[in-house]
Every structure is written in structure tokens, then in C-alpha cells.
Amino acid sequence: MERLGSLNIETRSGIGAERGRLADGMSAKRILVVEDEANIRETLRYNLVKEGYRVDEARTGPEALTEARRVRPDLIILDLMLPELSGLEVCRILRQEMSTPILVLTAKGAEVDKVVGLSIGADDYVTKPFSLTELMARITAILRRVELSRAGPGPTAEVEELGGFSLDRGSRIVRMHGEEVRLAPKEFDLLSYLLAHPGRVQSRERLIQAVWGSNFFGDRKTVDVHVRWIREKFEGFAALPFRITTVFGVGYRLDRLEDAASPAAPAAPAEDDV
């Protein structure tokens, strides 16, 4: 393995364009690489193209916004240390405009950047220095999850209706009192899973398996971040027919409030309930 800048370079062979097309005959996925260090950016482009991906590049924060809006990539690799506009701010802005998955590159030991990045919309992160093998595996896992989430449950829609709330698994649309609540793919999948298992405590590990899959390489804090996003999406509504409760040290439980058996029933330790 040869070290170049902040990136570990290692020889790769035998995979080629099949990965970029997810091995299912689809056209090559488009990836936007946002990195100000030329040697890292060029190395990423070379290896991504070799894997069968189409690659666009940006060097600064403003360039990243321009290119993302122009090409609408399937995935964005985003360095957090960018000139002119930070990667965190780029991530925040893009997440408000599009649901494109974002994989952030963080410096070793930058725990705050990882947490903040996930909290404002990043889907996963890789810490520098990193190997191309790890990076490619994470890219493949993210793109596969997106494809599976877009596939939906089938031609017949399953609809969850609680009071003024509805979640349609066929169209992947959530509404509250007729107003659409826009959820990112994994936010939708997480809420859908919790609604399908009301009143039962779900550990973070179980939620990762059910929503992100066995190939997920990220931190289990991703679950906490996505629950927070769901809560934020609904905080503007006066009353909700469900509540997501944090069960301390374990995970989360969704309660259908209109199905609550007794107001006197003991509640598990909670924080920031919906």
C-alpha cells in the first residue's frame, strides 16, 4: 500500500465497471467528488472511473453547490475541509435541496465533525487516511440501499393511517393533515419500520439491520441522528398520533397514541419524544 497525501492508495483489480453499474445492467452511476487537494481528487477520479462510475469534480464549497445542482449526481463524496465554504455548510445546504446521499471525508479524530456531519444530513463518513477498498465498499453499500428504497414494497400500496397522519409505502409519501412531509429515504424506512412494530422497543442494532442492512459500515449513532431528523420534520405540527420514545441505553419505541391502553402505564426513560 502506498501513501499519497491523506489517502492510502492500494492496488485494485478484477472489479471494473460492474460495480459502477451495480451489476444489474443499469447505466453507470454518477458521483460528484468534492475535494480541494488535487492529488486526492485525481486519485479518487481515476479509481472511480476504473470501477465504472461517471465522475464530476469540485474544488471549493461554491463549486460543489453549483455542480451538485447542475448534474444531480447519484452520490456526493464531500471533504469537510474546503476553501470559501465549509463542507459542513455545503452538506447543510444540499440536504435542504435534494436527497442525494452524501459520504463525507473527515480528519482523523475529528469526532465533532462526524457527529455534526451526520446530524445535518450526511449518510456516512470515512476518516482520513483511508483505503480505497473501504471507500468503494461504502459507496456500493450506499447506492444499493438507495436502489432498494426506491424500489418500494410492490405494486399495491400499504398505507398506515393514524388520525391526520398517513404513510404510504407504495408511493413513499408521508402526509400530516393533508400536507406532505418530505422524508429522506432512510428517514422514511426508519419511520415505516417503527410504525410496523408499535409498542416494541427496538435496539439500535436491530434498527440498523432492518433499515440499513448487514453491509452497513457506519456508526450506530446514525440511528440517533435519523430519529432526530424525523422528530424535527414533525415538530411544527401541534399534535401527533404517535410518539417516538428514546429508551435509555437500548434504543427506541414508537407508540400509537390513539391505541394507548392506559395513561397511567409506566413509561420507559425517554428524551426528546415526538
Protein backbone atom coordinates (compact mmCIF):
# COMPACT_ATOMS: atom_id res chain seq x y z
CA MET A 1 0.00 0.00 0.00
CA GLU A 2 1.37 3.39 -0.99
CA ARG A 3 0.53 6.54 0.95
CA LEU A 4 -0.33 9.68 -1.01
CA GLY A 5 -1.21 12.80 0.95
CA SER A 6 -4.02 11.89 3.35
CA LEU A 7 -5.13 8.89 1.33
CA ASN A 8 -3.99 5.29 1.46
CA ILE A 9 -3.56 4.04 -2.11
CA GLU A 10 -3.78 0.33 -2.80
CA THR A 11 -3.93 -1.75 -5.96
CA ARG A 12 -7.39 -2.86 -7.06
CA SER A 13 -8.30 -5.25 -9.84
CA GLY A 14 -10.97 -7.61 -11.10
CA ILE A 15 -14.00 -5.42 -10.37
CA GLY A 16 -14.11 -2.73 -13.05
CA ALA A 17 -17.29 -1.27 -14.48
CA GLU A 18 -19.54 -3.92 -12.96
CA ARG A 19 -19.55 -2.19 -9.57
CA GLY A 20 -20.39 1.22 -11.03
CA ARG A 21 -23.46 -0.32 -12.66
CA LEU A 22 -24.34 -2.29 -9.53
CA ALA A 23 -24.02 -5.44 -11.66
CA ASP A 24 -27.62 -5.22 -12.86
CA GLY A 25 -27.36 -3.69 -16.30
CA MET A 26 -28.21 -0.16 -15.23
CA SER A 27 -26.35 2.83 -16.62
CA ALA A 28 -23.26 3.93 -14.71
CA LYS A 29 -23.89 5.87 -11.52
CA ARG A 30 -22.70 9.47 -11.35
CA ILE A 31 -20.54 10.57 -8.43
CA LEU A 32 -19.52 14.13 -7.55
CA VAL A 33 -16.12 14.31 -5.83
CA VAL A 34 -15.66 17.47 -3.76
CA GLU A 35 -12.03 17.71 -2.61
CA ASP A 36 -9.62 20.67 -2.68
CA GLU A 37 -6.43 18.55 -2.61
CA ALA A 38 -5.61 17.82 -6.26
CA ASN A 39 -3.73 14.57 -5.66
CA ILE A 40 -6.59 13.05 -3.64
CA ARG A 41 -9.22 14.31 -6.07
CA GLU A 42 -7.39 12.93 -9.10
CA THR A 43 -6.76 9.59 -7.40
CA LEU A 44 -10.43 9.27 -6.49
CA ARG A 45 -11.48 10.13 -10.04
CA TYR A 46 -9.10 7.57 -11.54
CA ASN A 47 -10.25 4.74 -9.29
CA LEU A 48 -13.94 5.59 -9.50
CA VAL A 49 -13.83 5.70 -13.30
CA LYS A 50 -11.99 2.36 -13.25
CA GLU A 51 -14.86 0.96 -11.17
CA GLY A 52 -17.34 2.08 -13.82
CA TYR A 53 -18.66 5.30 -12.28
CA ARG A 54 -19.11 8.62 -14.06
CA VAL A 55 -17.26 11.31 -12.12
CA ASP A 56 -17.65 15.07 -11.76
CA GLU A 57 -15.34 17.24 -9.64
CA ALA A 58 -15.44 20.35 -7.48
CA ARG A 59 -12.64 22.01 -5.53
CA THR A 60 -14.44 24.55 -3.34
CA GLY A 61 -17.69 24.84 -1.45
CA PRO A 62 -19.39 27.13 -4.00
CA GLU A 63 -18.24 24.86 -6.85
CA ALA A 64 -19.74 21.89 -5.02
CA LEU A 65 -23.15 23.57 -4.82
CA THR A 66 -23.02 24.58 -8.48
CA GLU A 67 -22.02 21.12 -9.72
CA ALA A 68 -24.47 19.26 -7.49
CA ARG A 69 -27.33 21.40 -8.77
CA ARG A 70 -26.16 21.04 -12.36
CA VAL A 71 -25.51 17.30 -12.65
CA ARG A 72 -27.78 15.90 -9.89
CA PRO A 73 -25.33 13.07 -9.04
CA ASP A 74 -26.28 9.71 -7.57
CA LEU A 75 -23.80 10.22 -4.71
CA ILE A 76 -21.57 13.01 -3.41
CA ILE A 77 -18.16 12.43 -1.80
CA LEU A 78 -17.63 15.58 0.26
CA ASP A 79 -14.46 16.67 2.06
CA LEU A 80 -15.35 18.78 5.10
CA MET A 81 -12.24 20.99 4.92
CA LEU A 82 -12.98 23.14 1.87
CA PRO A 83 -11.99 26.70 0.93
CA GLU A 84 -14.56 29.52 0.67
CA LEU A 85 -17.42 27.47 2.14
CA SER A 86 -17.02 24.60 4.57
CA GLY A 87 -18.08 21.07 3.73
CA LEU A 88 -20.50 21.12 6.67
CA GLU A 89 -22.26 24.17 5.26
CA VAL A 90 -22.32 22.60 1.79
CA CYS A 91 -23.89 19.47 3.29
CA ARG A 92 -26.50 21.52 5.15
CA ILE A 93 -27.50 23.46 2.02
CA LEU A 94 -27.62 20.43 -0.27
CA ARG A 95 -29.69 18.39 2.18
CA GLN A 96 -32.35 21.12 2.07
CA GLU A 97 -32.47 20.90 -1.73
CA MET A 98 -32.02 17.21 -2.58
CA SER A 99 -31.96 13.72 -1.06
CA THR A 100 -28.76 12.66 -2.87
CA PRO A 101 -26.67 10.51 -0.48
CA ILE A 102 -23.59 12.27 0.88
CA LEU A 103 -20.44 10.49 2.09
CA VAL A 104 -18.19 12.88 3.99
CA LEU A 105 -14.41 12.71 4.38
CA THR A 106 -13.24 13.73 7.85
CA ALA A 107 -9.85 14.17 9.51
CA LYS A 108 -8.67 11.52 11.93
CA GLY A 109 -10.00 12.19 15.42
CA ALA A 110 -12.49 14.85 14.25
CA GLU A 111 -15.36 13.34 16.27
CA VAL A 112 -17.31 16.61 16.31
CA ASP A 113 -17.22 16.82 12.51
CA LYS A 114 -18.53 13.26 12.21
CA VAL A 115 -21.45 13.87 14.55
CA VAL A 116 -22.31 17.27 13.07
CA GLY A 117 -21.99 15.90 9.54
CA LEU A 118 -24.44 13.08 10.28
CA SER A 119 -26.78 15.42 12.14
CA ILE A 120 -27.13 17.81 9.20
CA GLY A 121 -27.71 15.18 6.56
CA ALA A 122 -24.62 13.13 5.66
CA ASP A 123 -25.37 9.44 5.09
CA ASP A 124 -21.97 8.06 6.08
CA TYR A 125 -18.37 9.11 6.67
CA VAL A 126 -14.84 7.91 6.06
CA THR A 127 -11.94 9.06 8.20
CA LYS A 128 -8.64 10.09 6.61
CA PRO A 129 -6.35 8.34 5.98
CA PHE A 130 -8.49 5.61 4.45
CA SER A 131 -8.12 2.77 1.97
CA LEU A 132 -9.79 2.73 -1.42
CA THR A 133 -11.17 -0.72 -0.61
CA GLU A 134 -13.12 0.67 2.33
CA LEU A 135 -14.28 3.70 0.36
CA MET A 136 -15.53 1.63 -2.59
CA ALA A 137 -17.33 -0.77 -0.24
CA ARG A 138 -19.13 2.11 1.44
CA ILE A 139 -20.08 3.67 -1.90
CA THR A 140 -21.50 0.37 -3.13
CA ALA A 141 -23.46 -0.15 0.10
CA ILE A 142 -24.96 3.35 -0.01
CA LEU A 143 -26.01 3.08 -3.65
CA ARG A 144 -27.55 -0.35 -3.11
CA ARG A 145 -29.60 0.97 -0.16
CA VAL A 146 -30.85 3.85 -2.29
CA GLU A 147 -31.88 1.50 -5.09
CA LEU A 148 -33.69 -0.81 -2.68
CA SER A 149 -35.50 2.11 -1.03
CA ARG A 150 -36.64 3.44 -4.40
CA ALA A 151 -37.92 0.04 -5.45
CA GLY A 152 -40.70 0.26 -2.87
CA PRO A 153 -42.65 -2.66 -1.38
CA GLY A 154 -44.56 -3.60 -4.54
CA PRO A 155 -47.37 -2.51 -6.85
CA THR A 156 -50.03 -2.48 -4.11
CA ALA A 157 -49.56 0.39 -1.67
CA GLU A 158 -49.63 -0.27 2.05
CA VAL A 159 -50.94 2.74 3.92
CA GLU A 160 -50.59 3.50 7.62
CA GLU A 161 -53.27 5.95 8.78
CA LEU A 162 -53.39 7.43 12.26
CA GLY A 163 -55.63 10.41 12.79
CA GLY A 164 -54.47 13.04 10.32
CA PHE A 165 -51.24 11.16 9.63
CA SER A 166 -50.66 8.82 6.69
CA LEU A 167 -47.63 6.89 5.42
CA ASP A 168 -47.94 5.26 2.00
CA ARG A 169 -45.28 2.59 1.50
CA GLY A 170 -46.12 2.21 -2.18
CA SER A 171 -45.68 5.86 -3.17
CA ARG A 172 -43.27 6.54 -0.27
CA ILE A 173 -45.23 9.64 0.65
CA VAL A 174 -45.93 10.85 4.18
CA ARG A 175 -48.69 13.36 4.92
CA MET A 176 -49.88 15.14 8.03
CA HIS A 177 -53.34 16.73 7.81
CA GLY A 178 -53.02 16.56 4.03
CA GLU A 179 -49.63 18.31 3.98
CA GLU A 180 -46.75 16.29 2.58
CA VAL A 181 -43.86 15.78 4.98
CA ARG A 182 -40.71 15.22 2.93
CA LEU A 183 -38.51 12.49 4.34
CA ALA A 184 -35.14 11.29 3.07
CA PRO A 185 -35.10 7.61 2.01
CA LYS A 186 -33.69 6.24 5.26
CA GLU A 187 -35.87 8.54 7.37
CA PHE A 188 -38.90 7.06 5.57
CA ASP A 189 -37.65 3.49 6.02
CA LEU A 190 -36.94 4.01 9.70
CA LEU A 191 -40.33 5.57 10.43
CA SER A 192 -42.05 2.87 8.36
CA TYR A 193 -40.32 0.12 10.34
CA LEU A 194 -41.14 1.68 13.70
CA LEU A 195 -44.79 2.13 12.68
CA ALA A 196 -44.94 -1.55 11.68
CA HIS A 197 -43.77 -2.57 15.17
CA PRO A 198 -45.62 -0.25 17.58
CA GLY A 199 -45.12 -0.54 21.31
CA ARG A 200 -41.99 -2.66 20.97
CA VAL A 201 -38.53 -1.45 21.95
CA GLN A 202 -36.14 -1.67 19.01
CA SER A 203 -32.41 -1.71 19.74
CA ARG A 204 -30.10 0.40 17.60
CA GLU A 205 -28.50 -2.78 16.29
CA ARG A 206 -31.89 -4.16 15.24
CA LEU A 207 -32.82 -0.91 13.50
CA ILE A 208 -29.50 -0.84 11.64
CA GLN A 209 -30.10 -4.40 10.41
CA ALA A 210 -33.69 -3.67 9.37
CA VAL A 211 -33.17 -0.27 7.75
CA TRP A 212 -29.51 -0.06 6.68
CA GLY A 213 -28.79 -3.75 6.18
CA SER A 214 -25.98 -6.10 7.16
CA ASN A 215 -23.49 -4.33 4.88
CA PHE A 216 -23.72 -1.06 6.81
CA PHE A 217 -20.26 0.16 7.81
CA GLY A 218 -21.14 3.32 9.73
CA ASP A 219 -21.58 4.15 13.39
CA ARG A 220 -24.74 3.15 15.25
CA LYS A 221 -25.16 6.82 16.15
CA THR A 222 -26.64 7.08 12.67
CA VAL A 223 -29.88 5.74 14.18
CA ASP A 224 -29.96 8.55 16.77
CA VAL A 225 -29.34 11.14 14.09
CA HIS A 226 -32.13 9.86 11.85
CA VAL A 227 -34.61 9.72 14.73
CA ARG A 228 -33.73 13.34 15.49
CA TRP A 229 -34.37 14.29 11.86
CA ILE A 230 -37.76 12.59 11.92
CA ARG A 231 -38.66 14.45 15.10
CA GLU A 232 -37.61 17.74 13.56
CA LYS A 233 -39.73 17.10 10.44
CA PHE A 234 -42.86 16.80 12.63
CA GLU A 235 -42.14 19.35 15.34
CA GLY A 236 -44.19 22.03 13.55
CA PHE A 237 -47.43 20.07 13.98
CA ALA A 238 -49.47 20.71 17.11
CA ALA A 239 -50.49 17.11 17.79
CA LEU A 240 -49.25 13.77 16.51
CA PRO A 241 -50.96 10.37 16.73
CA PHE A 242 -47.66 8.68 17.56
CA ARG A 243 -44.63 9.28 19.76
CA ILE A 244 -41.06 8.03 19.32
CA THR A 245 -39.59 7.44 22.75
CA THR A 246 -35.89 7.03 23.49
CA VAL A 247 -35.40 4.02 25.76
CA PHE A 248 -32.22 4.83 27.65
CA GLY A 249 -29.32 2.51 26.89
CA VAL A 250 -31.35 0.38 24.47
CA GLY A 251 -32.94 2.14 21.50
CA TYR A 252 -36.37 3.44 20.51
CA ARG A 253 -40.05 2.64 20.81
CA LEU A 254 -42.91 4.05 18.73
CA ASP A 255 -46.26 4.34 20.49
CA ARG A 256 -49.51 4.88 18.61
CA LEU A 257 -51.16 7.37 20.92
CA GLU A 258 -54.72 6.63 19.85
CA ASP A 259 -54.05 2.97 20.71
CA ALA A 260 -52.57 3.71 24.14
CA ALA A 261 -54.12 1.35 26.64
CA SER A 262 -53.78 3.49 29.75
CA PRO A 263 -52.35 6.93 30.56
CA ALA A 264 -51.13 5.50 33.82
CA ALA A 265 -48.94 2.89 32.16
CA PRO A 266 -45.29 3.31 33.19
CA ALA A 267 -43.12 4.98 30.54
CA ALA A 268 -39.59 3.97 29.74
CA PRO A 269 -36.87 6.59 30.37
CA ALA A 270 -37.08 8.99 27.46
CA GLU A 271 -35.67 12.14 25.96
CA ASP A 272 -36.86 14.42 23.19
CA ASP A 273 -40.04 12.46 22.43
CA VAL A 274 -42.07 13.25 19.34
